[in-house]
Amino acid sequence: HVGREALSVEVHYWLREVSRVDRTADSAASFRWSDDGPASA
């Protein structure tokens, strides 16, 4: 109502795209985010 002399309020909600998901080569289905970096022990 007041315009640009008032505080602006920004709300962000991030959704991570699921196209960068790796499936573990195992009989049990499990996944990890490929852009989290190389898999570690």
PDB file of all heavy atoms in Angstrom:
ATOM      1  N   HIS A   1       0.812  -1.217   0.000  1.00  0.00           N
ATOM      2  CA  HIS A   1       0.000   0.000   0.000  1.00  0.00           C
ATOM      3  C   HIS A   1       0.846   1.267   0.000  1.00  0.00           C
ATOM      4  O   HIS A   1       0.472   2.258  -0.644  1.00  0.00           O
ATOM      5  CB  HIS A   1      -0.935   0.009   1.217  1.00  0.00           C
ATOM      6  CG  HIS A   1      -2.053  -0.976   1.123  1.00  0.00           C
ATOM      7  ND1 HIS A   1      -3.262  -0.680   0.525  1.00  0.00           N
ATOM      8  CD2 HIS A   1      -2.147  -2.269   1.545  1.00  0.00           C
ATOM      9  CE1 HIS A   1      -4.057  -1.732   0.575  1.00  0.00           C
ATOM     10  NE2 HIS A   1      -3.408  -2.716   1.196  1.00  0.00           N
ATOM     11  N   VAL A   2       1.956   1.255   0.702  1.00  0.00           N
ATOM     12  CA  VAL A   2       2.778   2.459   0.813  1.00  0.00           C
ATOM     13  C   VAL A   2       3.679   2.621  -0.398  1.00  0.00           C
ATOM     14  O   VAL A   2       3.926   3.735  -0.880  1.00  0.00           O
ATOM     15  CB  VAL A   2       3.612   2.425   2.118  1.00  0.00           C
ATOM     16  CG1 VAL A   2       4.637   3.539   2.153  1.00  0.00           C
ATOM     17  CG2 VAL A   2       2.679   2.509   3.322  1.00  0.00           C
ATOM     18  N   GLY A   3       4.192   1.517  -0.919  1.00  0.00           N
ATOM     19  CA  GLY A   3       5.074   1.595  -2.070  1.00  0.00           C
ATOM     20  C   GLY A   3       6.528   1.545  -1.701  1.00  0.00           C
ATOM     21  O   GLY A   3       6.916   1.020  -0.656  1.00  0.00           O
ATOM     22  N   ARG A   4       7.372   2.137  -2.554  1.00  0.00           N
ATOM     23  CA  ARG A   4       8.808   1.895  -2.482  1.00  0.00           C
ATOM     24  C   ARG A   4       9.497   2.556  -1.305  1.00  0.00           C
ATOM     25  O   ARG A   4      10.670   2.289  -1.067  1.00  0.00           O
ATOM     26  CB  ARG A   4       9.463   2.340  -3.788  1.00  0.00           C
ATOM     27  CG  ARG A   4       9.366   3.814  -4.102  1.00  0.00           C
ATOM     28  CD  ARG A   4       9.958   4.084  -5.468  1.00  0.00           C
ATOM     29  NE  ARG A   4      10.192   5.502  -5.710  1.00  0.00           N
ATOM     30  CZ  ARG A   4      10.785   5.983  -6.789  1.00  0.00           C
ATOM     31  NH1 ARG A   4      11.189   5.147  -7.728  1.00  0.00           N
ATOM     32  NH2 ARG A   4      10.982   7.266  -6.939  1.00  0.00           N
ATOM     33  N   GLU A   5       8.809   3.413  -0.528  1.00  0.00           N
ATOM     34  CA  GLU A   5       9.455   3.992   0.648  1.00  0.00           C
ATOM     35  C   GLU A   5       9.395   3.046   1.845  1.00  0.00           C
ATOM     36  O   GLU A   5      10.021   3.311   2.875  1.00  0.00           O
ATOM     37  CB  GLU A   5       8.807   5.328   1.008  1.00  0.00           C
ATOM     38  CG  GLU A   5       7.372   5.219   1.489  1.00  0.00           C
ATOM     39  CD  GLU A   5       6.718   6.570   1.691  1.00  0.00           C
ATOM     40  OE1 GLU A   5       6.519   7.282   0.700  1.00  0.00           O
ATOM     41  OE2 GLU A   5       6.432   6.915   2.852  1.00  0.00           O
ATOM     42  N   ALA A   6       8.670   1.950   1.721  1.00  0.00           N
ATOM     43  CA  ALA A   6       8.564   0.968   2.802  1.00  0.00           C
ATOM     44  C   ALA A   6       9.526  -0.189   2.562  1.00  0.00           C
ATOM     45  O   ALA A   6      10.095  -0.345   1.480  1.00  0.00           O
ATOM     46  CB  ALA A   6       7.129   0.451   2.899  1.00  0.00           C
ATOM     47  N   LEU A   7       9.705  -1.011   3.587  1.00  0.00           N
ATOM     48  CA  LEU A   7      10.515  -2.224   3.442  1.00  0.00           C
ATOM     49  C   LEU A   7       9.909  -3.128   2.378  1.00  0.00           C
ATOM     50  O   LEU A   7       8.691  -3.266   2.287  1.00  0.00           O
ATOM     51  CB  LEU A   7      10.550  -3.004   4.757  1.00  0.00           C
ATOM     52  CG  LEU A   7      11.463  -2.549   5.883  1.00  0.00           C
ATOM     53  CD1 LEU A   7      11.216  -3.433   7.111  1.00  0.00           C
ATOM     54  CD2 LEU A   7      12.916  -2.623   5.482  1.00  0.00           C
ATOM     55  N   SER A   8      10.763  -3.760   1.585  1.00  0.00           N
ATOM     56  CA  SER A   8      10.271  -4.794   0.680  1.00  0.00           C
ATOM     57  C   SER A   8      10.511  -6.153   1.323  1.00  0.00           C
ATOM     58  O   SER A   8      11.540  -6.375   1.962  1.00  0.00           O
ATOM     59  CB  SER A   8      10.959  -4.707  -0.683  1.00  0.00           C
ATOM     60  OG  SER A   8      12.345  -4.949  -0.568  1.00  0.00           O
ATOM     61  N   VAL A   9       9.553  -7.034   1.168  1.00  0.00           N
ATOM     62  CA  VAL A   9       9.608  -8.365   1.778  1.00  0.00           C
ATOM     63  C   VAL A   9       9.744  -9.395   0.675  1.00  0.00           C
ATOM     64  O   VAL A   9       8.895  -9.471  -0.219  1.00  0.00           O
ATOM     65  CB  VAL A   9       8.347  -8.643   2.616  1.00  0.00           C
ATOM     66  CG1 VAL A   9       8.409 -10.032   3.237  1.00  0.00           C
ATOM     67  CG2 VAL A   9       8.189  -7.581   3.704  1.00  0.00           C
ATOM     68  N   GLU A  10      10.811 -10.168   0.724  1.00  0.00           N
ATOM     69  CA  GLU A  10      11.037 -11.216  -0.266  1.00  0.00           C
ATOM     70  C   GLU A  10      11.005 -12.571   0.433  1.00  0.00           C
ATOM     71  O   GLU A  10      11.632 -12.751   1.477  1.00  0.00           O
ATOM     72  CB  GLU A  10      12.394 -11.040  -0.952  1.00  0.00           C
ATOM     73  CG  GLU A  10      12.544  -9.725  -1.697  1.00  0.00           C
ATOM     74  CD  GLU A  10      13.936  -9.552  -2.274  1.00  0.00           C
ATOM     75  OE1 GLU A  10      14.748 -10.486  -2.138  1.00  0.00           O
ATOM     76  OE2 GLU A  10      14.214  -8.487  -2.845  1.00  0.00           O
ATOM     77  N   VAL A  11      10.274 -13.499  -0.148  1.00  0.00           N
ATOM     78  CA  VAL A  11      10.229 -14.872   0.365  1.00  0.00           C
ATOM     79  C   VAL A  11      10.642 -15.801  -0.766  1.00  0.00           C
ATOM     80  O   VAL A  11      10.092 -15.728  -1.868  1.00  0.00           O
ATOM     81  CB  VAL A  11       8.829 -15.247   0.890  1.00  0.00           C
ATOM     82  CG1 VAL A  11       8.827 -16.680   1.387  1.00  0.00           C
ATOM     83  CG2 VAL A  11       8.414 -14.304   2.012  1.00  0.00           C
ATOM     84  N   HIS A  12      11.630 -16.628  -0.513  1.00  0.00           N
ATOM     85  CA  HIS A  12      12.152 -17.544  -1.528  1.00  0.00           C
ATOM     86  C   HIS A  12      11.954 -18.985  -1.059  1.00  0.00           C
ATOM     87  O   HIS A  12      12.203 -19.316   0.104  1.00  0.00           O
ATOM     88  CB  HIS A  12      13.652 -17.306  -1.753  1.00  0.00           C
ATOM     89  CG  HIS A  12      13.978 -15.906  -2.187  1.00  0.00           C
ATOM     90  ND1 HIS A  12      14.120 -15.554  -3.504  1.00  0.00           N
ATOM     91  CD2 HIS A  12      14.180 -14.779  -1.470  1.00  0.00           C
ATOM     92  CE1 HIS A  12      14.403 -14.266  -3.584  1.00  0.00           C
ATOM     93  NE2 HIS A  12      14.449 -13.767  -2.368  1.00  0.00           N
ATOM     94  N   TYR A  13      11.531 -19.818  -1.995  1.00  0.00           N
ATOM     95  CA  TYR A  13      11.432 -21.253  -1.727  1.00  0.00           C
ATOM     96  C   TYR A  13      12.066 -21.973  -2.908  1.00  0.00           C
ATOM     97  O   TYR A  13      11.651 -21.790  -4.053  1.00  0.00           O
ATOM     98  CB  TYR A  13       9.966 -21.677  -1.565  1.00  0.00           C
ATOM     99  CG  TYR A  13       9.804 -23.024  -0.910  1.00  0.00           C
ATOM    100  CD1 TYR A  13      10.052 -23.179   0.451  1.00  0.00           C
ATOM    101  CD2 TYR A  13       9.402 -24.133  -1.634  1.00  0.00           C
ATOM    102  CE1 TYR A  13       9.907 -24.401   1.067  1.00  0.00           C
ATOM    103  CE2 TYR A  13       9.250 -25.363  -1.026  1.00  0.00           C
ATOM    104  CZ  TYR A  13       9.500 -25.497   0.323  1.00  0.00           C
ATOM    105  OH  TYR A  13       9.366 -26.714   0.933  1.00  0.00           O
ATOM    106  N   TRP A  14      13.086 -22.736  -2.655  1.00  0.00           N
ATOM    107  CA  TRP A  14      13.870 -23.359  -3.719  1.00  0.00           C
ATOM    108  C   TRP A  14      13.480 -24.820  -3.874  1.00  0.00           C
ATOM    109  O   TRP A  14      13.376 -25.560  -2.893  1.00  0.00           O
ATOM    110  CB  TRP A  14      15.360 -23.269  -3.407  1.00  0.00           C
ATOM    111  CG  TRP A  14      15.888 -21.869  -3.386  1.00  0.00           C
ATOM    112  CD1 TRP A  14      15.772 -20.967  -2.367  1.00  0.00           C
ATOM    113  CD2 TRP A  14      16.600 -21.204  -4.427  1.00  0.00           C
ATOM    114  NE1 TRP A  14      16.366 -19.786  -2.706  1.00  0.00           N
ATOM    115  CE2 TRP A  14      16.882 -19.901  -3.969  1.00  0.00           C
ATOM    116  CE3 TRP A  14      17.024 -21.573  -5.703  1.00  0.00           C
ATOM    117  CZ2 TRP A  14      17.572 -18.970  -4.733  1.00  0.00           C
ATOM    118  CZ3 TRP A  14      17.718 -20.654  -6.458  1.00  0.00           C
ATOM    119  CH2 TRP A  14      17.976 -19.371  -5.984  1.00  0.00           C
ATOM    120  N   LEU A  15      13.262 -25.212  -5.122  1.00  0.00           N
ATOM    121  CA  LEU A  15      13.013 -26.616  -5.450  1.00  0.00           C
ATOM    122  C   LEU A  15      14.166 -27.108  -6.299  1.00  0.00           C
ATOM    123  O   LEU A  15      14.475 -26.529  -7.342  1.00  0.00           O
ATOM    124  CB  LEU A  15      11.699 -26.783  -6.234  1.00  0.00           C
ATOM    125  CG  LEU A  15      10.403 -26.792  -5.434  1.00  0.00           C
ATOM    126  CD1 LEU A  15      10.090 -25.422  -4.872  1.00  0.00           C
ATOM    127  CD2 LEU A  15       9.249 -27.262  -6.318  1.00  0.00           C
ATOM    128  N   ARG A  16      14.802 -28.156  -5.853  1.00  0.00           N
ATOM    129  CA  ARG A  16      15.951 -28.701  -6.571  1.00  0.00           C
ATOM    130  C   ARG A  16      15.450 -29.634  -7.669  1.00  0.00           C
ATOM    131  O   ARG A  16      14.618 -30.505  -7.422  1.00  0.00           O
ATOM    132  CB  ARG A  16      16.811 -29.484  -5.580  1.00  0.00           C
ATOM    133  CG  ARG A  16      18.223 -29.776  -6.021  1.00  0.00           C
ATOM    134  CD  ARG A  16      18.935 -30.458  -4.872  1.00  0.00           C
ATOM    135  NE  ARG A  16      20.362 -30.521  -5.060  1.00  0.00           N
ATOM    136  CZ  ARG A  16      21.195 -31.010  -4.148  1.00  0.00           C
ATOM    137  NH1 ARG A  16      20.722 -31.461  -2.996  1.00  0.00           N
ATOM    138  NH2 ARG A  16      22.494 -31.037  -4.363  1.00  0.00           N
ATOM    139  N   GLU A  17      15.924 -29.409  -8.905  1.00  0.00           N
ATOM    140  CA  GLU A  17      15.456 -30.274  -9.975  1.00  0.00           C
ATOM    141  C   GLU A  17      16.002 -31.684  -9.794  1.00  0.00           C
ATOM    142  O   GLU A  17      17.144 -31.871  -9.401  1.00  0.00           O
ATOM    143  CB  GLU A  17      15.849 -29.709 -11.341  1.00  0.00           C
ATOM    144  CG  GLU A  17      17.332 -29.604 -11.613  1.00  0.00           C
ATOM    145  CD  GLU A  17      17.596 -29.101 -13.022  1.00  0.00           C
ATOM    146  OE1 GLU A  17      16.690 -29.203 -13.866  1.00  0.00           O
ATOM    147  OE2 GLU A  17      18.701 -28.622 -13.270  1.00  0.00           O
ATOM    148  N   VAL A  18      15.159 -32.672 -10.060  1.00  0.00           N
ATOM    149  CA  VAL A  18      15.526 -34.058  -9.784  1.00  0.00           C
ATOM    150  C   VAL A  18      16.195 -34.728 -10.968  1.00  0.00           C
ATOM    151  O   VAL A  18      16.406 -35.932 -10.963  1.00  0.00           O
ATOM    152  CB  VAL A  18      14.296 -34.882  -9.336  1.00  0.00           C
ATOM    153  CG1 VAL A  18      13.725 -34.333  -8.047  1.00  0.00           C
ATOM    154  CG2 VAL A  18      13.236 -34.894 -10.432  1.00  0.00           C
ATOM    155  N   SER A  19      16.551 -33.960 -11.995  1.00  0.00           N
ATOM    156  CA  SER A  19      17.214 -34.571 -13.146  1.00  0.00           C
ATOM    157  C   SER A  19      18.652 -34.954 -12.819  1.00  0.00           C
ATOM    158  O   SER A  19      19.246 -35.758 -13.516  1.00  0.00           O
ATOM    159  CB  SER A  19      17.188 -33.609 -14.334  1.00  0.00           C
ATOM    160  OG  SER A  19      17.842 -32.399 -14.012  1.00  0.00           O
ATOM    161  N   ARG A  20      19.211 -34.366 -11.748  1.00  0.00           N
ATOM    162  CA  ARG A  20      20.591 -34.684 -11.377  1.00  0.00           C
ATOM    163  C   ARG A  20      20.602 -35.632 -10.176  1.00  0.00           C
ATOM    164  O   ARG A  20      21.136 -35.332  -9.125  1.00  0.00           O
ATOM    165  CB  ARG A  20      21.360 -33.408 -11.053  1.00  0.00           C
ATOM    166  CG  ARG A  20      21.512 -32.473 -12.239  1.00  0.00           C
ATOM    167  CD  ARG A  20      22.405 -31.294 -11.911  1.00  0.00           C
ATOM    168  NE  ARG A  20      22.595 -30.434 -13.059  1.00  0.00           N
ATOM    169  CZ  ARG A  20      21.865 -29.365 -13.332  1.00  0.00           C
ATOM    170  NH1 ARG A  20      20.872 -29.045 -12.516  1.00  0.00           N
ATOM    171  NH2 ARG A  20      22.103 -28.631 -14.396  1.00  0.00           N
ATOM    172  N   VAL A  21      19.960 -36.774 -10.387  1.00  0.00           N
ATOM    173  CA  VAL A  21      19.891 -37.784  -9.337  1.00  0.00           C
ATOM    174  C   VAL A  21      20.558 -39.056  -9.833  1.00  0.00           C
ATOM    175  O   VAL A  21      20.302 -39.512 -10.945  1.00  0.00           O
ATOM    176  CB  VAL A  21      18.421 -38.077  -8.948  1.00  0.00           C
ATOM    177  CG1 VAL A  21      18.355 -39.195  -7.925  1.00  0.00           C
ATOM    178  CG2 VAL A  21      17.767 -36.811  -8.401  1.00  0.00           C
ATOM    179  N   ASP A  22      21.455 -39.609  -9.032  1.00  0.00           N
ATOM    180  CA  ASP A  22      22.122 -40.862  -9.369  1.00  0.00           C
ATOM    181  C   ASP A  22      21.486 -42.004  -8.581  1.00  0.00           C
ATOM    182  O   ASP A  22      21.168 -41.848  -7.397  1.00  0.00           O
ATOM    183  CB  ASP A  22      23.618 -40.794  -9.012  1.00  0.00           C
ATOM    184  CG  ASP A  22      24.343 -39.731  -9.827  1.00  0.00           C
ATOM    185  OD1 ASP A  22      23.858 -39.428 -10.930  1.00  0.00           O
ATOM    186  OD2 ASP A  22      25.376 -39.220  -9.363  1.00  0.00           O
ATOM    187  N   ARG A  23      21.330 -43.137  -9.258  1.00  0.00           N
ATOM    188  CA  ARG A  23      20.845 -44.343  -8.583  1.00  0.00           C
ATOM    189  C   ARG A  23      22.026 -45.236  -8.282  1.00  0.00           C
ATOM    190  O   ARG A  23      22.878 -45.481  -9.136  1.00  0.00           O
ATOM    191  CB  ARG A  23      19.833 -45.086  -9.454  1.00  0.00           C
ATOM    192  CG  ARG A  23      19.161 -46.267  -8.755  1.00  0.00           C
ATOM    193  CD  ARG A  23      18.315 -47.059  -9.731  1.00  0.00           C
ATOM    194  NE  ARG A  23      17.457 -48.020  -9.089  1.00  0.00           N
ATOM    195  CZ  ARG A  23      17.854 -49.200  -8.605  1.00  0.00           C
ATOM    196  NH1 ARG A  23      19.131 -49.547  -8.709  1.00  0.00           N
ATOM    197  NH2 ARG A  23      16.987 -50.010  -8.029  1.00  0.00           N
ATOM    198  N   THR A  24      22.094 -45.687  -7.061  1.00  0.00           N
ATOM    199  CA  THR A  24      23.173 -46.578  -6.665  1.00  0.00           C
ATOM    200  C   THR A  24      23.037 -47.914  -7.392  1.00  0.00           C
ATOM    201  O   THR A  24      21.932 -48.460  -7.504  1.00  0.00           O
ATOM    202  CB  THR A  24      23.144 -46.815  -5.146  1.00  0.00           C
ATOM    203  OG1 THR A  24      23.197 -45.553  -4.482  1.00  0.00           O
ATOM    204  CG2 THR A  24      24.323 -47.662  -4.707  1.00  0.00           C
ATOM    205  N   ALA A  25      24.143 -48.431  -7.908  1.00  0.00           N
ATOM    206  CA  ALA A  25      24.147 -49.723  -8.605  1.00  0.00           C
ATOM    207  C   ALA A  25      24.059 -50.842  -7.587  1.00  0.00           C
ATOM    208  O   ALA A  25      25.054 -51.438  -7.181  1.00  0.00           O
ATOM    209  CB  ALA A  25      25.412 -49.856  -9.451  1.00  0.00           C
ATOM    210  N   ASP A  26      22.846 -51.107  -7.160  1.00  0.00           N
ATOM    211  CA  ASP A  26      22.638 -52.119  -6.136  1.00  0.00           C
ATOM    212  C   ASP A  26      21.219 -52.646  -6.276  1.00  0.00           C
ATOM    213  O   ASP A  26      20.366 -52.008  -6.921  1.00  0.00           O
ATOM    214  CB  ASP A  26      22.871 -51.503  -4.741  1.00  0.00           C
ATOM    215  CG  ASP A  26      22.887 -52.550  -3.646  1.00  0.00           C
ATOM    216  OD1 ASP A  26      23.659 -53.525  -3.770  1.00  0.00           O
ATOM    217  OD2 ASP A  26      22.126 -52.403  -2.678  1.00  0.00           O
ATOM    218  N   SER A  27      20.950 -53.809  -5.692  1.00  0.00           N
ATOM    219  CA  SER A  27      19.612 -54.397  -5.800  1.00  0.00           C
ATOM    220  C   SER A  27      18.576 -53.558  -5.055  1.00  0.00           C
ATOM    221  O   SER A  27      17.405 -53.544  -5.421  1.00  0.00           O
ATOM    222  CB  SER A  27      19.620 -55.830  -5.260  1.00  0.00           C
ATOM    223  OG  SER A  27      20.083 -55.844  -3.917  1.00  0.00           O
ATOM    224  N   ALA A  28      18.984 -52.872  -4.005  1.00  0.00           N
ATOM    225  CA  ALA A  28      18.073 -52.012  -3.255  1.00  0.00           C
ATOM    226  C   ALA A  28      18.106 -50.609  -3.853  1.00  0.00           C
ATOM    227  O   ALA A  28      19.178 -50.045  -4.080  1.00  0.00           O
ATOM    228  CB  ALA A  28      18.475 -51.970  -1.781  1.00  0.00           C
ATOM    229  N   ALA A  29      16.927 -50.076  -4.138  1.00  0.00           N
ATOM    230  CA  ALA A  29      16.859 -48.744  -4.749  1.00  0.00           C
ATOM    231  C   ALA A  29      17.309 -47.683  -3.754  1.00  0.00           C
ATOM    232  O   ALA A  29      16.761 -47.566  -2.660  1.00  0.00           O
ATOM    233  CB  ALA A  29      15.438 -48.465  -5.213  1.00  0.00           C
ATOM    234  N   SER A  30      18.316 -46.910  -4.140  1.00  0.00           N
ATOM    235  CA  SER A  30      18.767 -45.773  -3.335  1.00  0.00           C
ATOM    236  C   SER A  30      19.338 -44.733  -4.274  1.00  0.00           C
ATOM    237  O   SER A  30      19.837 -45.064  -5.355  1.00  0.00           O
ATOM    238  CB  SER A  30      19.805 -46.213  -2.302  1.00  0.00           C
ATOM    239  OG  SER A  30      20.920 -46.802  -2.933  1.00  0.00           O
ATOM    240  N   PHE A  31      19.262 -43.503  -3.840  1.00  0.00           N
ATOM    241  CA  PHE A  31      19.619 -42.397  -4.721  1.00  0.00           C
ATOM    242  C   PHE A  31      20.485 -41.384  -3.980  1.00  0.00           C
ATOM    243  O   PHE A  31      20.497 -41.324  -2.754  1.00  0.00           O
ATOM    244  CB  PHE A  31      18.358 -41.692  -5.241  1.00  0.00           C
ATOM    245  CG  PHE A  31      17.396 -42.609  -5.936  1.00  0.00           C
ATOM    246  CD1 PHE A  31      16.397 -43.270  -5.223  1.00  0.00           C
ATOM    247  CD2 PHE A  31      17.487 -42.841  -7.299  1.00  0.00           C
ATOM    248  CE1 PHE A  31      15.510 -44.120  -5.855  1.00  0.00           C
ATOM    249  CE2 PHE A  31      16.607 -43.685  -7.942  1.00  0.00           C
ATOM    250  CZ  PHE A  31      15.612 -44.330  -7.223  1.00  0.00           C
ATOM    251  N   ARG A  32      21.195 -40.571  -4.762  1.00  0.00           N
ATOM    252  CA  ARG A  32      21.957 -39.459  -4.203  1.00  0.00           C
ATOM    253  C   ARG A  32      21.949 -38.327  -5.225  1.00  0.00           C
ATOM    254  O   ARG A  32      21.720 -38.543  -6.414  1.00  0.00           O
ATOM    255  CB  ARG A  32      23.393 -39.872  -3.865  1.00  0.00           C
ATOM    256  CG  ARG A  32      24.233 -40.195  -5.082  1.00  0.00           C
ATOM    257  CD  ARG A  32      25.629 -40.676  -4.682  1.00  0.00           C
ATOM    258  NE  ARG A  32      26.322 -39.739  -3.831  1.00  0.00           N
ATOM    259  CZ  ARG A  32      26.958 -38.652  -4.258  1.00  0.00           C
ATOM    260  NH1 ARG A  32      26.959 -38.369  -5.553  1.00  0.00           N
ATOM    261  NH2 ARG A  32      27.576 -37.854  -3.427  1.00  0.00           N
ATOM    262  N   TRP A  33      22.214 -37.107  -4.738  1.00  0.00           N
ATOM    263  CA  TRP A  33      22.263 -35.948  -5.623  1.00  0.00           C
ATOM    264  C   TRP A  33      23.632 -35.893  -6.282  1.00  0.00           C
ATOM    265  O   TRP A  33      24.665 -35.777  -5.627  1.00  0.00           O
ATOM    266  CB  TRP A  33      22.009 -34.663  -4.836  1.00  0.00           C
ATOM    267  CG  TRP A  33      20.685 -34.641  -4.148  1.00  0.00           C
ATOM    268  CD1 TRP A  33      20.427 -34.853  -2.836  1.00  0.00           C
ATOM    269  CD2 TRP A  33      19.404 -34.398  -4.754  1.00  0.00           C
ATOM    270  NE1 TRP A  33      19.088 -34.755  -2.577  1.00  0.00           N
ATOM    271  CE2 TRP A  33      18.434 -34.479  -3.738  1.00  0.00           C
ATOM    272  CE3 TRP A  33      18.994 -34.116  -6.053  1.00  0.00           C
ATOM    273  CZ2 TRP A  33      17.082 -34.284  -3.981  1.00  0.00           C
ATOM    274  CZ3 TRP A  33      17.648 -33.921  -6.296  1.00  0.00           C
ATOM    275  CH2 TRP A  33      16.696 -34.009  -5.274  1.00  0.00           C
ATOM    276  N   SER A  34      23.655 -35.958  -7.604  1.00  0.00           N
ATOM    277  CA  SER A  34      24.935 -36.002  -8.317  1.00  0.00           C
ATOM    278  C   SER A  34      25.711 -34.702  -8.186  1.00  0.00           C
ATOM    279  O   SER A  34      26.938 -34.698  -8.264  1.00  0.00           O
ATOM    280  CB  SER A  34      24.717 -36.328  -9.794  1.00  0.00           C
ATOM    281  OG  SER A  34      23.836 -35.403 -10.395  1.00  0.00           O
ATOM    282  N   ASP A  35      25.007 -33.561  -7.993  1.00  0.00           N
ATOM    283  CA  ASP A  35      25.731 -32.306  -7.880  1.00  0.00           C
ATOM    284  C   ASP A  35      26.191 -32.022  -6.456  1.00  0.00           C
ATOM    285  O   ASP A  35      26.666 -30.928  -6.158  1.00  0.00           O
ATOM    286  CB  ASP A  35      24.902 -31.130  -8.419  1.00  0.00           C
ATOM    287  CG  ASP A  35      23.529 -31.044  -7.789  1.00  0.00           C
ATOM    288  OD1 ASP A  35      23.270 -31.799  -6.828  1.00  0.00           O
ATOM    289  OD2 ASP A  35      22.723 -30.216  -8.241  1.00  0.00           O
ATOM    290  N   ASP A  36      26.073 -33.025  -5.568  1.00  0.00           N
ATOM    291  CA  ASP A  36      26.663 -32.895  -4.239  1.00  0.00           C
ATOM    292  C   ASP A  36      28.149 -33.214  -4.266  1.00  0.00           C
ATOM    293  O   ASP A  36      28.823 -33.153  -3.229  1.00  0.00           O
ATOM    294  CB  ASP A  36      25.972 -33.830  -3.239  1.00  0.00           C
ATOM    295  CG  ASP A  36      24.675 -33.229  -2.718  1.00  0.00           C
ATOM    296  OD1 ASP A  36      24.491 -32.003  -2.898  1.00  0.00           O
ATOM    297  OD2 ASP A  36      23.860 -33.958  -2.146  1.00  0.00           O
ATOM    298  N   GLY A  37      28.662 -33.584  -5.434  1.00  0.00           N
ATOM    299  CA  GLY A  37      30.075 -33.917  -5.546  1.00  0.00           C
ATOM    300  C   GLY A  37      30.283 -35.411  -5.640  1.00  0.00           C
ATOM    301  O   GLY A  37      29.338 -36.205  -5.574  1.00  0.00           O
ATOM    302  N   PRO A  38      31.541 -35.836  -5.785  1.00  0.00           N
ATOM    303  CA  PRO A  38      31.835 -37.265  -5.914  1.00  0.00           C
ATOM    304  C   PRO A  38      31.392 -38.045  -4.680  1.00  0.00           C
ATOM    305  O   PRO A  38      31.427 -37.532  -3.559  1.00  0.00           O
ATOM    306  CB  PRO A  38      33.368 -37.295  -6.052  1.00  0.00           C
ATOM    307  CG  PRO A  38      33.749 -35.913  -6.462  1.00  0.00           C
ATOM    308  CD  PRO A  38      32.749 -34.998  -5.850  1.00  0.00           C
ATOM    309  N   ALA A  39      30.949 -39.272  -4.928  1.00  0.00           N
ATOM    310  CA  ALA A  39      30.555 -40.130  -3.815  1.00  0.00           C
ATOM    311  C   ALA A  39      31.765 -40.448  -2.957  1.00  0.00           C
ATOM    312  O   ALA A  39      32.876 -40.589  -3.444  1.00  0.00           O
ATOM    313  CB  ALA A  39      29.924 -41.417  -4.341  1.00  0.00           C
ATOM    314  N   SER A  40      31.543 -40.521  -1.666  1.00  0.00           N
ATOM    315  CA  SER A  40      32.631 -40.849  -0.740  1.00  0.00           C
ATOM    316  C   SER A  40      32.243 -42.067   0.073  1.00  0.00           C
ATOM    317  O   SER A  40      31.087 -42.489   0.110  1.00  0.00           O
ATOM    318  CB  SER A  40      32.924 -39.674   0.196  1.00  0.00           C
ATOM    319  OG  SER A  40      31.848 -39.479   1.095  1.00  0.00           O
ATOM    320  N   ALA A  41      33.218 -42.639   0.742  1.00  0.00           N
ATOM    321  CA  ALA A  41      32.987 -43.836   1.546  1.00  0.00           C
ATOM    322  C   ALA A  41      32.104 -43.540   2.749  1.00  0.00           C
ATOM    323  O   ALA A  41      31.572 -44.451   3.370  1.00  0.00           O
ATOM    324  CB  ALA A  41      34.315 -44.423   2.019  1.00  0.00           C
TER     325      ALA A  41
END
